[in-house]
N, C-alpha and C. Protein backbone atom coordinates (compact mmCIF):
# COMPACT_ATOMS: atom_id res chain seq x y z
N MET A 1 97.71 -20.51 -27.74
CA MET A 1 97.05 -19.39 -28.41
C MET A 1 96.04 -19.88 -29.46
N LYS A 2 96.52 -20.88 -30.28
CA LYS A 2 95.63 -21.45 -31.29
C LYS A 2 94.42 -22.12 -30.65
N HIS A 3 94.69 -22.79 -29.50
CA HIS A 3 93.60 -23.48 -28.80
C HIS A 3 92.57 -22.47 -28.29
N ARG A 4 93.07 -21.32 -27.77
CA ARG A 4 92.17 -20.29 -27.26
C ARG A 4 91.35 -19.68 -28.41
N MET A 5 92.00 -19.42 -29.56
CA MET A 5 91.30 -18.88 -30.72
C MET A 5 90.23 -19.85 -31.22
N LYS A 6 90.57 -21.14 -31.18
CA LYS A 6 89.62 -22.15 -31.63
C LYS A 6 88.39 -22.16 -30.74
N ASN A 7 88.62 -22.06 -29.41
CA ASN A 7 87.49 -22.04 -28.47
C ASN A 7 86.61 -20.82 -28.69
N LYS A 8 87.25 -19.66 -28.94
CA LYS A 8 86.49 -18.44 -29.19
C LYS A 8 85.66 -18.58 -30.46
N PHE A 9 86.28 -19.19 -31.49
CA PHE A 9 85.58 -19.38 -32.76
C PHE A 9 84.36 -20.28 -32.57
N LEU A 10 84.52 -21.39 -31.81
CA LEU A 10 83.42 -22.30 -31.56
C LEU A 10 82.31 -21.61 -30.76
N LEU A 11 82.73 -20.78 -29.77
CA LEU A 11 81.75 -20.05 -28.98
C LEU A 11 80.98 -19.07 -29.85
N TYR A 12 81.68 -18.42 -30.78
CA TYR A 12 81.04 -17.47 -31.69
C TYR A 12 80.02 -18.18 -32.57
N ILE A 13 80.39 -19.34 -33.10
CA ILE A 13 79.47 -20.12 -33.94
C ILE A 13 78.25 -20.55 -33.14
N LEU A 14 78.46 -20.96 -31.87
CA LEU A 14 77.35 -21.39 -31.02
C LEU A 14 76.39 -20.25 -30.77
N ILE A 15 76.93 -19.05 -30.51
CA ILE A 15 76.08 -17.88 -30.26
C ILE A 15 75.26 -17.55 -31.50
N LEU A 16 75.91 -17.61 -32.68
CA LEU A 16 75.21 -17.32 -33.92
C LEU A 16 74.09 -18.33 -34.16
N THR A 17 74.38 -19.60 -33.87
CA THR A 17 73.38 -20.65 -34.09
C THR A 17 72.17 -20.44 -33.19
N LEU A 18 72.44 -20.19 -31.90
CA LEU A 18 71.34 -19.97 -30.96
C LEU A 18 70.55 -18.72 -31.32
N SER A 19 71.25 -17.69 -31.77
CA SER A 19 70.57 -16.46 -32.15
C SER A 19 69.68 -16.69 -33.36
N SER A 20 70.17 -17.49 -34.30
CA SER A 20 69.39 -17.79 -35.50
C SER A 20 68.13 -18.55 -35.14
N CYS A 21 68.29 -19.53 -34.21
CA CYS A 21 67.11 -20.29 -33.77
C CYS A 21 66.08 -19.39 -33.12
N ALA A 22 66.57 -18.43 -32.35
CA ALA A 22 65.65 -17.53 -31.66
C ALA A 22 64.92 -16.62 -32.65
N LEU A 23 65.56 -16.37 -33.81
CA LEU A 23 64.96 -15.48 -34.79
C LEU A 23 64.00 -16.19 -35.73
N ILE A 24 63.99 -17.53 -35.72
CA ILE A 24 63.07 -18.26 -36.57
C ILE A 24 61.64 -17.98 -36.10
N PRO A 25 60.79 -17.48 -36.95
CA PRO A 25 59.44 -17.12 -36.49
C PRO A 25 58.63 -18.34 -36.08
N GLN A 26 58.01 -18.28 -34.93
CA GLN A 26 57.13 -19.33 -34.44
C GLN A 26 55.68 -18.96 -34.79
N PRO A 27 54.82 -19.97 -34.96
CA PRO A 27 53.42 -19.65 -35.26
C PRO A 27 52.82 -18.74 -34.20
N GLY A 28 52.26 -17.61 -34.63
CA GLY A 28 51.67 -16.67 -33.69
C GLY A 28 50.30 -17.12 -33.24
N ARG A 29 49.71 -16.38 -32.31
CA ARG A 29 48.41 -16.75 -31.76
C ARG A 29 47.34 -16.73 -32.85
N ALA A 30 47.43 -15.77 -33.75
CA ALA A 30 46.42 -15.69 -34.82
C ALA A 30 46.50 -16.92 -35.72
N ALA A 31 47.73 -17.35 -36.04
CA ALA A 31 47.91 -18.53 -36.89
C ALA A 31 47.41 -19.78 -36.18
N LYS A 32 47.71 -19.89 -34.88
CA LYS A 32 47.26 -21.05 -34.11
C LYS A 32 45.74 -21.07 -33.97
N GLU A 33 45.16 -19.90 -33.80
CA GLU A 33 43.70 -19.82 -33.71
C GLU A 33 43.05 -20.29 -35.01
N LYS A 34 43.63 -19.91 -36.14
CA LYS A 34 43.12 -20.33 -37.43
C LYS A 34 43.23 -21.85 -37.58
N LEU A 35 44.39 -22.41 -37.19
CA LEU A 35 44.58 -23.86 -37.26
C LEU A 35 43.56 -24.59 -36.38
N LEU A 36 43.34 -24.07 -35.17
CA LEU A 36 42.41 -24.70 -34.24
C LEU A 36 40.98 -24.69 -34.78
N ILE A 37 40.54 -23.55 -35.28
CA ILE A 37 39.16 -23.44 -35.79
C ILE A 37 38.96 -24.36 -36.99
N GLU A 38 39.94 -24.39 -37.90
CA GLU A 38 39.84 -25.26 -39.07
C GLU A 38 39.79 -26.73 -38.65
N HIS A 39 40.59 -27.09 -37.67
CA HIS A 39 40.62 -28.48 -37.20
C HIS A 39 39.29 -28.87 -36.56
N LEU A 40 38.75 -28.01 -35.72
CA LEU A 40 37.50 -28.32 -35.04
C LEU A 40 36.33 -28.36 -36.02
N ARG A 41 36.36 -27.54 -37.05
CA ARG A 41 35.32 -27.61 -38.07
C ARG A 41 35.29 -28.98 -38.74
N GLY A 42 36.47 -29.57 -38.89
CA GLY A 42 36.55 -30.91 -39.46
C GLY A 42 35.85 -31.95 -38.60
N TRP A 43 35.88 -31.77 -37.28
CA TRP A 43 35.20 -32.70 -36.38
C TRP A 43 33.70 -32.45 -36.33
N ASN A 44 33.26 -31.31 -36.81
CA ASN A 44 31.83 -30.98 -36.76
C ASN A 44 31.04 -31.75 -37.81
N GLU A 45 31.68 -32.06 -38.93
CA GLU A 45 31.01 -32.81 -40.00
C GLU A 45 32.06 -33.63 -40.74
N PHE A 46 31.93 -34.96 -40.69
CA PHE A 46 32.91 -35.80 -41.35
C PHE A 46 32.34 -37.20 -41.61
N GLN A 47 33.02 -37.90 -42.49
CA GLN A 47 32.76 -39.31 -42.73
C GLN A 47 34.09 -40.00 -42.93
N LEU A 48 34.35 -41.03 -42.14
CA LEU A 48 35.60 -41.76 -42.30
C LEU A 48 35.32 -43.24 -42.50
N GLU A 49 36.15 -43.85 -43.33
CA GLU A 49 36.06 -45.27 -43.61
C GLU A 49 37.41 -45.91 -43.35
N GLY A 50 37.39 -47.14 -42.85
CA GLY A 50 38.65 -47.81 -42.59
C GLY A 50 38.46 -49.20 -42.03
N ILE A 51 39.47 -49.65 -41.31
CA ILE A 51 39.48 -50.97 -40.70
C ILE A 51 39.64 -50.82 -39.19
N VAL A 52 38.80 -51.49 -38.44
CA VAL A 52 38.91 -51.48 -36.98
C VAL A 52 39.35 -52.85 -36.50
N GLU A 53 40.33 -52.86 -35.61
CA GLU A 53 40.78 -54.07 -34.94
C GLU A 53 40.53 -53.90 -33.45
N ALA A 54 39.85 -54.85 -32.86
CA ALA A 54 39.52 -54.77 -31.44
C ALA A 54 40.00 -56.03 -30.73
N ASN A 55 40.55 -55.84 -29.55
CA ASN A 55 41.00 -56.95 -28.72
C ASN A 55 40.67 -56.64 -27.27
N TYR A 56 39.79 -57.43 -26.70
CA TYR A 56 39.42 -57.20 -25.30
C TYR A 56 39.13 -58.55 -24.65
N ASN A 57 39.93 -58.88 -23.66
CA ASN A 57 39.87 -60.21 -23.03
C ASN A 57 40.03 -61.28 -24.12
N SER A 58 39.08 -62.17 -24.27
CA SER A 58 39.20 -63.21 -25.29
C SER A 58 38.46 -62.85 -26.57
N PHE A 59 37.92 -61.63 -26.64
CA PHE A 59 37.13 -61.20 -27.79
C PHE A 59 38.01 -60.36 -28.72
N SER A 60 38.06 -60.72 -29.99
CA SER A 60 38.84 -59.94 -30.95
C SER A 60 38.21 -60.04 -32.34
N PHE A 61 38.39 -58.99 -33.14
CA PHE A 61 37.93 -59.02 -34.53
C PHE A 61 38.66 -57.96 -35.33
N ARG A 62 38.57 -58.11 -36.64
CA ARG A 62 39.10 -57.14 -37.60
C ARG A 62 38.04 -56.95 -38.68
N LYS A 63 37.44 -55.76 -38.74
CA LYS A 63 36.30 -55.54 -39.62
C LYS A 63 36.35 -54.14 -40.23
N SER A 64 35.50 -53.93 -41.22
CA SER A 64 35.36 -52.61 -41.83
C SER A 64 34.54 -51.70 -40.91
N ILE A 65 34.85 -50.41 -40.97
CA ILE A 65 34.13 -49.45 -40.12
C ILE A 65 33.80 -48.19 -40.91
N LEU A 66 32.64 -47.63 -40.62
CA LEU A 66 32.18 -46.39 -41.22
C LEU A 66 31.65 -45.50 -40.10
N ILE A 67 32.22 -44.31 -39.96
CA ILE A 67 31.78 -43.36 -38.93
C ILE A 67 31.36 -42.07 -39.62
N ARG A 68 30.15 -41.59 -39.27
CA ARG A 68 29.63 -40.37 -39.86
C ARG A 68 29.11 -39.43 -38.78
N LYS A 69 29.34 -38.14 -38.99
CA LYS A 69 28.83 -37.13 -38.06
C LYS A 69 28.51 -35.85 -38.84
N ASN A 70 27.39 -35.24 -38.49
CA ASN A 70 27.08 -33.89 -38.97
C ASN A 70 26.48 -33.10 -37.83
N ASN A 71 25.84 -31.97 -38.11
CA ASN A 71 25.31 -31.13 -37.05
C ASN A 71 24.12 -31.76 -36.33
N ASP A 72 23.51 -32.76 -36.94
CA ASP A 72 22.29 -33.33 -36.38
C ASP A 72 22.45 -34.71 -35.76
N ALA A 73 23.43 -35.48 -36.22
CA ALA A 73 23.48 -36.88 -35.78
C ALA A 73 24.89 -37.45 -35.89
N PHE A 74 25.04 -38.59 -35.26
CA PHE A 74 26.29 -39.37 -35.31
C PHE A 74 25.90 -40.83 -35.56
N ARG A 75 26.68 -41.50 -36.40
CA ARG A 75 26.43 -42.93 -36.62
C ARG A 75 27.74 -43.67 -36.84
N LEU A 76 27.84 -44.82 -36.19
CA LEU A 76 28.99 -45.71 -36.33
C LEU A 76 28.48 -47.08 -36.76
N ASP A 77 29.06 -47.62 -37.84
CA ASP A 77 28.70 -48.95 -38.32
C ASP A 77 29.97 -49.79 -38.50
N VAL A 78 29.93 -50.99 -37.96
CA VAL A 78 30.99 -51.97 -38.16
C VAL A 78 30.40 -53.09 -39.00
N PHE A 79 31.14 -53.51 -40.04
CA PHE A 79 30.60 -54.45 -41.00
C PHE A 79 31.41 -55.74 -41.07
N ASP A 80 30.69 -56.85 -41.29
CA ASP A 80 31.31 -58.09 -41.74
C ASP A 80 31.37 -58.04 -43.25
N SER A 81 32.53 -58.20 -43.81
CA SER A 81 32.67 -58.16 -45.27
C SER A 81 32.48 -59.55 -45.86
N GLY A 82 31.84 -59.59 -47.03
CA GLY A 82 31.69 -60.85 -47.74
C GLY A 82 32.93 -61.19 -48.51
N PHE A 83 32.82 -62.11 -49.44
CA PHE A 83 33.96 -62.54 -50.25
C PHE A 83 34.51 -61.36 -51.04
N MET A 84 35.84 -61.16 -50.97
CA MET A 84 36.53 -60.07 -51.67
C MET A 84 35.99 -58.70 -51.25
N GLY A 85 35.45 -58.63 -50.02
CA GLY A 85 34.95 -57.36 -49.51
C GLY A 85 33.60 -56.95 -50.03
N LEU A 86 32.90 -57.87 -50.75
CA LEU A 86 31.60 -57.55 -51.33
C LEU A 86 30.47 -57.85 -50.35
N ASN A 87 29.33 -57.18 -50.56
CA ASN A 87 28.12 -57.41 -49.78
C ASN A 87 28.36 -57.36 -48.27
N PRO A 88 28.87 -56.24 -47.76
CA PRO A 88 29.09 -56.15 -46.31
C PRO A 88 27.78 -56.19 -45.55
N THR A 89 27.78 -56.87 -44.43
CA THR A 89 26.58 -56.95 -43.58
C THR A 89 26.87 -56.31 -42.23
N PRO A 90 25.91 -55.60 -41.66
CA PRO A 90 26.16 -54.91 -40.38
C PRO A 90 26.50 -55.89 -39.26
N PHE A 91 27.52 -55.55 -38.49
CA PHE A 91 27.88 -56.33 -37.31
C PHE A 91 27.37 -55.62 -36.05
N ILE A 92 27.63 -54.33 -35.97
CA ILE A 92 27.09 -53.50 -34.88
C ILE A 92 26.91 -52.08 -35.41
N SER A 93 25.85 -51.42 -34.96
CA SER A 93 25.60 -50.03 -35.35
C SER A 93 25.22 -49.22 -34.12
N ILE A 94 25.69 -47.98 -34.09
CA ILE A 94 25.36 -47.04 -33.01
C ILE A 94 24.90 -45.75 -33.66
N TYR A 95 23.78 -45.22 -33.20
CA TYR A 95 23.23 -44.00 -33.79
C TYR A 95 22.81 -43.05 -32.66
N MET A 96 23.07 -41.77 -32.88
CA MET A 96 22.67 -40.79 -31.89
C MET A 96 22.23 -39.50 -32.56
N ASP A 97 21.04 -39.02 -32.14
CA ASP A 97 20.65 -37.65 -32.41
C ASP A 97 20.26 -37.05 -31.06
N SER A 98 18.97 -37.06 -30.71
CA SER A 98 18.58 -36.64 -29.35
C SER A 98 18.68 -37.79 -28.36
N THR A 99 18.69 -39.01 -28.86
CA THR A 99 18.85 -40.20 -28.02
C THR A 99 19.89 -41.12 -28.65
N LEU A 100 20.33 -42.08 -27.88
CA LEU A 100 21.36 -43.03 -28.32
C LEU A 100 20.74 -44.41 -28.46
N VAL A 101 20.87 -45.01 -29.66
CA VAL A 101 20.33 -46.36 -29.89
C VAL A 101 21.42 -47.23 -30.50
N ILE A 102 21.26 -48.54 -30.33
CA ILE A 102 22.28 -49.50 -30.75
C ILE A 102 21.61 -50.71 -31.40
N ARG A 103 22.23 -51.19 -32.46
CA ARG A 103 21.86 -52.51 -32.98
C ARG A 103 23.03 -53.43 -32.63
N PRO A 104 22.84 -54.30 -31.62
CA PRO A 104 23.95 -55.11 -31.12
C PRO A 104 24.39 -56.17 -32.14
N PRO A 105 25.55 -56.77 -31.92
CA PRO A 105 26.00 -57.87 -32.78
C PRO A 105 24.99 -59.02 -32.77
N PHE A 106 24.86 -59.67 -33.92
CA PHE A 106 24.01 -60.85 -34.08
C PHE A 106 22.53 -60.55 -33.80
N SER A 107 22.12 -59.30 -34.04
CA SER A 107 20.73 -58.92 -33.81
C SER A 107 20.28 -57.93 -34.88
N LYS A 108 18.99 -57.97 -35.21
CA LYS A 108 18.42 -57.00 -36.13
C LYS A 108 17.59 -55.97 -35.39
N GLU A 109 17.49 -56.12 -34.08
CA GLU A 109 16.67 -55.22 -33.27
C GLU A 109 17.47 -54.01 -32.83
N VAL A 110 16.83 -52.85 -32.91
CA VAL A 110 17.45 -51.60 -32.46
C VAL A 110 17.03 -51.34 -31.03
N LEU A 111 18.00 -51.15 -30.14
CA LEU A 111 17.73 -51.01 -28.71
C LEU A 111 18.29 -49.70 -28.18
N SER A 112 17.72 -49.24 -27.09
CA SER A 112 18.33 -48.13 -26.36
C SER A 112 19.62 -48.62 -25.73
N ALA A 113 20.51 -47.71 -25.38
CA ALA A 113 21.77 -48.11 -24.76
C ALA A 113 21.52 -48.87 -23.46
N GLU A 114 20.51 -48.45 -22.71
CA GLU A 114 20.20 -49.12 -21.44
C GLU A 114 19.70 -50.54 -21.68
N LYS A 115 18.81 -50.72 -22.65
CA LYS A 115 18.30 -52.07 -22.93
C LYS A 115 19.38 -52.98 -23.50
N ALA A 116 20.37 -52.38 -24.16
CA ALA A 116 21.47 -53.17 -24.71
C ALA A 116 22.49 -53.54 -23.66
N GLY A 117 22.24 -53.10 -22.41
CA GLY A 117 23.18 -53.42 -21.33
C GLY A 117 24.36 -52.49 -21.25
N LEU A 118 24.22 -51.30 -21.85
CA LEU A 118 25.31 -50.32 -21.86
C LEU A 118 24.85 -49.04 -21.19
N LYS A 119 24.48 -49.15 -19.93
CA LYS A 119 23.90 -48.03 -19.20
C LYS A 119 24.86 -46.84 -19.09
N GLU A 120 26.18 -47.15 -19.05
CA GLU A 120 27.15 -46.08 -18.84
C GLU A 120 27.54 -45.38 -20.13
N LEU A 121 27.09 -45.92 -21.27
CA LEU A 121 27.42 -45.31 -22.54
C LEU A 121 26.57 -44.06 -22.73
N ASN A 122 27.22 -42.95 -23.05
CA ASN A 122 26.48 -41.71 -23.25
C ASN A 122 27.10 -40.90 -24.38
N SER A 123 26.54 -39.73 -24.61
CA SER A 123 26.96 -38.94 -25.75
C SER A 123 28.40 -38.44 -25.65
N THR A 124 28.97 -38.41 -24.46
CA THR A 124 30.34 -37.95 -24.29
C THR A 124 31.29 -38.71 -25.20
N ALA A 125 31.02 -39.99 -25.38
CA ALA A 125 31.91 -40.82 -26.19
C ALA A 125 31.88 -40.44 -27.66
N PHE A 126 30.84 -39.70 -28.10
CA PHE A 126 30.68 -39.45 -29.52
C PHE A 126 30.57 -37.98 -29.88
N LEU A 127 29.89 -37.19 -29.06
CA LEU A 127 29.53 -35.84 -29.47
C LEU A 127 29.88 -34.79 -28.42
N PHE A 128 31.18 -34.61 -28.13
CA PHE A 128 31.53 -33.52 -27.25
C PHE A 128 31.21 -32.22 -27.97
N ASP A 129 30.85 -31.20 -27.21
CA ASP A 129 30.32 -29.96 -27.77
C ASP A 129 31.46 -29.11 -28.33
N LEU A 130 31.51 -28.99 -29.65
CA LEU A 130 32.58 -28.22 -30.29
C LEU A 130 32.47 -26.74 -29.98
N ASN A 131 31.26 -26.24 -29.76
CA ASN A 131 31.10 -24.83 -29.39
C ASN A 131 31.75 -24.54 -28.06
N ASP A 132 31.64 -25.48 -27.12
CA ASP A 132 32.30 -25.32 -25.83
C ASP A 132 33.81 -25.26 -26.00
N ILE A 133 34.33 -26.08 -26.92
CA ILE A 133 35.78 -26.10 -27.14
C ILE A 133 36.25 -24.79 -27.75
N ILE A 134 35.56 -24.31 -28.79
CA ILE A 134 35.95 -23.06 -29.44
C ILE A 134 35.86 -21.89 -28.46
N HIS A 135 34.90 -21.94 -27.54
CA HIS A 135 34.76 -20.89 -26.53
C HIS A 135 36.03 -20.76 -25.68
N HIS A 136 36.78 -21.85 -25.54
CA HIS A 136 38.00 -21.86 -24.73
C HIS A 136 39.27 -21.82 -25.59
N LYS A 137 39.15 -21.26 -26.80
CA LYS A 137 40.27 -21.34 -27.74
C LYS A 137 41.54 -20.66 -27.24
N GLN A 138 41.41 -19.57 -26.52
CA GLN A 138 42.61 -18.88 -26.03
C GLN A 138 43.36 -19.73 -25.01
N SER A 139 42.62 -20.42 -24.17
CA SER A 139 43.24 -21.31 -23.18
C SER A 139 43.91 -22.49 -23.89
N ILE A 140 43.29 -23.00 -24.93
CA ILE A 140 43.87 -24.13 -25.68
C ILE A 140 45.18 -23.70 -26.33
N ILE A 141 45.19 -22.52 -26.94
CA ILE A 141 46.40 -22.02 -27.60
C ILE A 141 47.53 -21.86 -26.60
N SER A 142 47.22 -21.41 -25.40
CA SER A 142 48.26 -21.18 -24.39
C SER A 142 48.73 -22.47 -23.73
N GLN A 143 47.80 -23.37 -23.42
CA GLN A 143 48.14 -24.53 -22.60
C GLN A 143 48.08 -25.87 -23.35
N GLN A 144 47.44 -25.88 -24.52
CA GLN A 144 47.26 -27.09 -25.33
C GLN A 144 46.54 -28.20 -24.56
N ILE A 145 45.64 -27.79 -23.69
CA ILE A 145 44.85 -28.75 -22.92
C ILE A 145 43.54 -28.08 -22.50
N LEU A 146 42.48 -28.87 -22.45
CA LEU A 146 41.18 -28.35 -22.05
C LEU A 146 40.47 -29.40 -21.22
N GLU A 147 39.95 -28.99 -20.06
CA GLU A 147 39.31 -29.94 -19.14
C GLU A 147 37.82 -29.68 -19.02
N PHE A 148 37.07 -30.79 -19.03
CA PHE A 148 35.64 -30.79 -18.74
C PHE A 148 35.41 -31.75 -17.57
N PRO A 149 34.23 -31.72 -16.97
CA PRO A 149 34.00 -32.62 -15.81
C PRO A 149 34.21 -34.09 -16.13
N GLU A 150 33.85 -34.52 -17.35
CA GLU A 150 33.94 -35.95 -17.68
C GLU A 150 35.23 -36.35 -18.37
N TYR A 151 35.88 -35.41 -19.05
CA TYR A 151 37.05 -35.77 -19.85
C TYR A 151 38.01 -34.58 -20.00
N LYS A 152 39.19 -34.90 -20.51
CA LYS A 152 40.24 -33.91 -20.73
C LYS A 152 40.76 -34.07 -22.16
N ILE A 153 40.93 -32.96 -22.88
CA ILE A 153 41.39 -32.99 -24.27
C ILE A 153 42.77 -32.35 -24.37
N HIS A 154 43.70 -33.08 -24.98
CA HIS A 154 45.05 -32.58 -25.23
C HIS A 154 45.19 -32.24 -26.71
N PHE A 155 45.96 -31.18 -27.00
CA PHE A 155 46.15 -30.73 -28.38
C PHE A 155 47.63 -30.74 -28.74
N THR A 156 47.92 -30.91 -30.04
CA THR A 156 49.30 -30.87 -30.53
C THR A 156 49.72 -29.42 -30.76
N ASP A 157 50.98 -29.24 -31.14
CA ASP A 157 51.47 -27.90 -31.48
C ASP A 157 50.74 -27.32 -32.69
N LYS A 158 50.19 -28.21 -33.54
CA LYS A 158 49.46 -27.76 -34.72
C LYS A 158 47.97 -27.58 -34.42
N MET A 159 47.63 -27.60 -33.14
CA MET A 159 46.27 -27.39 -32.68
C MET A 159 45.32 -28.50 -33.12
N GLN A 160 45.84 -29.71 -33.28
CA GLN A 160 45.01 -30.88 -33.57
C GLN A 160 44.75 -31.63 -32.26
N ILE A 161 43.59 -32.26 -32.17
CA ILE A 161 43.30 -33.06 -30.99
C ILE A 161 44.27 -34.22 -30.93
N ASP A 162 45.01 -34.32 -29.85
CA ASP A 162 46.04 -35.35 -29.69
C ASP A 162 45.49 -36.57 -28.95
N LYS A 163 44.77 -36.31 -27.85
CA LYS A 163 44.13 -37.41 -27.11
C LYS A 163 43.02 -36.88 -26.23
N ILE A 164 42.08 -37.78 -25.96
CA ILE A 164 40.98 -37.49 -25.05
C ILE A 164 41.06 -38.48 -23.90
N MET A 165 41.10 -37.99 -22.70
CA MET A 165 41.22 -38.84 -21.51
C MET A 165 39.94 -38.76 -20.69
N LEU A 166 39.31 -39.90 -20.43
CA LEU A 166 38.16 -39.91 -19.54
C LEU A 166 38.63 -39.83 -18.10
N LYS A 167 37.90 -39.09 -17.29
CA LYS A 167 38.36 -38.87 -15.91
C LYS A 167 37.92 -39.96 -14.94
N GLN A 168 36.79 -40.59 -15.21
CA GLN A 168 36.26 -41.58 -14.28
C GLN A 168 36.80 -42.98 -14.54
N LYS A 169 37.44 -43.18 -15.69
CA LYS A 169 37.97 -44.49 -16.05
C LYS A 169 39.34 -44.32 -16.70
N PRO A 170 40.20 -45.36 -16.65
CA PRO A 170 41.53 -45.25 -17.27
C PRO A 170 41.48 -45.46 -18.78
N VAL A 171 40.65 -44.65 -19.45
CA VAL A 171 40.44 -44.80 -20.88
C VAL A 171 40.99 -43.56 -21.60
N GLU A 172 41.75 -43.79 -22.67
CA GLU A 172 42.29 -42.72 -23.50
C GLU A 172 41.99 -43.02 -24.97
N ILE A 173 41.68 -41.97 -25.72
CA ILE A 173 41.52 -42.08 -27.16
C ILE A 173 42.65 -41.26 -27.79
N LEU A 174 43.50 -41.93 -28.56
CA LEU A 174 44.68 -41.29 -29.14
C LEU A 174 44.47 -41.08 -30.64
N PHE A 175 44.95 -39.93 -31.16
CA PHE A 175 44.77 -39.57 -32.55
C PHE A 175 46.12 -39.37 -33.22
N SER A 176 46.27 -39.94 -34.41
CA SER A 176 47.52 -39.82 -35.17
C SER A 176 47.22 -39.20 -36.52
N TYR A 177 48.14 -38.33 -36.99
CA TYR A 177 47.91 -37.59 -38.22
C TYR A 177 49.10 -37.73 -39.18
N ILE A 178 48.79 -37.95 -40.46
CA ILE A 178 49.73 -37.76 -41.56
C ILE A 178 48.99 -36.88 -42.55
N ASP A 179 49.24 -35.60 -42.48
CA ASP A 179 48.43 -34.61 -43.18
C ASP A 179 47.03 -34.61 -42.56
N LYS A 180 46.18 -35.59 -42.91
CA LYS A 180 44.87 -35.74 -42.28
C LYS A 180 44.95 -36.81 -41.19
N LEU A 181 43.86 -36.94 -40.46
CA LEU A 181 43.75 -38.00 -39.46
C LEU A 181 43.90 -39.36 -40.13
N ASN A 182 44.80 -40.20 -39.61
CA ASN A 182 44.99 -41.51 -40.25
C ASN A 182 44.84 -42.69 -39.28
N GLN A 183 44.75 -42.41 -37.97
CA GLN A 183 44.61 -43.52 -37.02
C GLN A 183 44.00 -43.04 -35.70
N ILE A 184 43.13 -43.88 -35.15
CA ILE A 184 42.56 -43.63 -33.82
C ILE A 184 42.78 -44.89 -32.99
N SER A 185 43.34 -44.73 -31.80
CA SER A 185 43.56 -45.87 -30.91
C SER A 185 42.82 -45.64 -29.60
N ILE A 186 42.22 -46.70 -29.10
CA ILE A 186 41.52 -46.63 -27.82
C ILE A 186 42.28 -47.47 -26.80
N MET A 187 42.67 -46.84 -25.72
CA MET A 187 43.45 -47.51 -24.68
C MET A 187 42.62 -47.65 -23.41
N ASN A 188 42.75 -48.78 -22.76
CA ASN A 188 42.10 -49.00 -21.47
C ASN A 188 43.16 -49.50 -20.49
N ASP A 189 43.42 -48.69 -19.48
CA ASP A 189 44.46 -49.03 -18.49
C ASP A 189 45.80 -49.28 -19.18
N ASN A 190 46.15 -48.39 -20.11
CA ASN A 190 47.41 -48.42 -20.87
C ASN A 190 47.54 -49.62 -21.82
N LYS A 191 46.45 -50.29 -22.10
CA LYS A 191 46.46 -51.39 -23.06
C LYS A 191 45.54 -51.05 -24.22
N GLN A 192 46.01 -51.28 -25.43
CA GLN A 192 45.19 -50.97 -26.60
C GLN A 192 44.09 -52.00 -26.75
N VAL A 193 42.84 -51.51 -26.79
CA VAL A 193 41.70 -52.41 -26.96
C VAL A 193 41.07 -52.27 -28.34
N ALA A 194 41.36 -51.17 -29.03
CA ALA A 194 40.84 -51.00 -30.38
C ALA A 194 41.72 -50.03 -31.15
N ASN A 195 41.79 -50.27 -32.46
CA ASN A 195 42.59 -49.41 -33.33
C ASN A 195 41.86 -49.25 -34.66
N ILE A 196 41.72 -48.01 -35.11
CA ILE A 196 41.07 -47.74 -36.39
C ILE A 196 42.09 -47.17 -37.36
N GLN A 197 42.35 -47.89 -38.44
CA GLN A 197 43.20 -47.40 -39.52
C GLN A 197 42.29 -46.77 -40.57
N ILE A 198 42.47 -45.48 -40.81
CA ILE A 198 41.57 -44.73 -41.67
C ILE A 198 42.07 -44.73 -43.11
N ASP A 199 41.24 -45.21 -44.01
CA ASP A 199 41.58 -45.25 -45.43
C ASP A 199 41.08 -44.02 -46.18
N LYS A 200 39.95 -43.48 -45.75
CA LYS A 200 39.34 -42.36 -46.47
C LYS A 200 38.58 -41.49 -45.48
N ILE A 201 38.69 -40.18 -45.66
CA ILE A 201 37.95 -39.26 -44.80
C ILE A 201 37.46 -38.07 -45.62
N GLU A 202 36.19 -37.71 -45.41
CA GLU A 202 35.56 -36.58 -46.10
C GLU A 202 34.94 -35.65 -45.05
N TYR A 203 34.71 -34.38 -45.45
CA TYR A 203 34.27 -33.40 -44.48
C TYR A 203 33.03 -32.60 -44.87
N LYS A 204 32.47 -32.81 -46.04
CA LYS A 204 31.35 -31.96 -46.48
C LYS A 204 30.17 -32.81 -46.94
N ASN A 205 28.97 -32.21 -46.77
CA ASN A 205 27.72 -32.81 -47.27
C ASN A 205 27.53 -34.25 -46.80
N ILE A 206 27.69 -34.45 -45.51
CA ILE A 206 27.59 -35.79 -44.93
C ILE A 206 26.12 -36.07 -44.56
N GLU A 207 25.55 -37.09 -45.16
CA GLU A 207 24.18 -37.50 -44.87
C GLU A 207 24.21 -38.75 -44.00
N ILE A 208 23.34 -38.78 -42.99
CA ILE A 208 23.34 -39.89 -42.03
C ILE A 208 21.94 -40.47 -41.92
N PRO A 209 21.72 -41.68 -42.44
CA PRO A 209 20.40 -42.30 -42.32
C PRO A 209 20.12 -42.72 -40.88
N ILE A 210 18.86 -42.62 -40.47
CA ILE A 210 18.45 -43.03 -39.13
C ILE A 210 18.59 -44.54 -39.00
N LEU A 211 19.04 -45.00 -37.87
CA LEU A 211 19.15 -46.43 -37.62
C LEU A 211 17.77 -46.97 -37.27
N LYS A 212 17.30 -47.94 -38.06
CA LYS A 212 15.97 -48.49 -37.79
C LYS A 212 15.90 -49.94 -38.28
């Protein structure tokens, strides 16, 4: 009898627990839409500073990185730091507005992507259209995924970009957050080829000088 009462009591507690979980309010569509729009606005204009580590075949380095984007342009600069981090000198720079240009390593000349030997490099890697993403916000909220012909974007439960997968190559860009974005990893065929540890990130009044 005591055993039966104990089982009933445990069953009662289990039902109450499950019922309580079901009653905990989950973020509604309106809240998720707000989170998504706020997150995408952050990608529309930002400046991040940090350290990039790259490893590909026998080539590897660890250097300072500065990435800037606004409504008009995108620029990425990797720097060689001097003694105690002073007097950084450019190692590689990439700039895009209506066209994409590059200043390769060990060179002061600014080249088109094609002349630099990077014919396959295009704006997809830097400037996916945020307006296109916001246009599909209801689908993102429901499925947490959005597909384009060249790439696929996955989102977290908090409506943050989780990863971008290129469709023509086994390349993934992974995003990690602690409050704000704190790490970006680039994977090629399930192997990490680059990692950016973000020390500082800003979102307003970002000015981007032309690469020349």
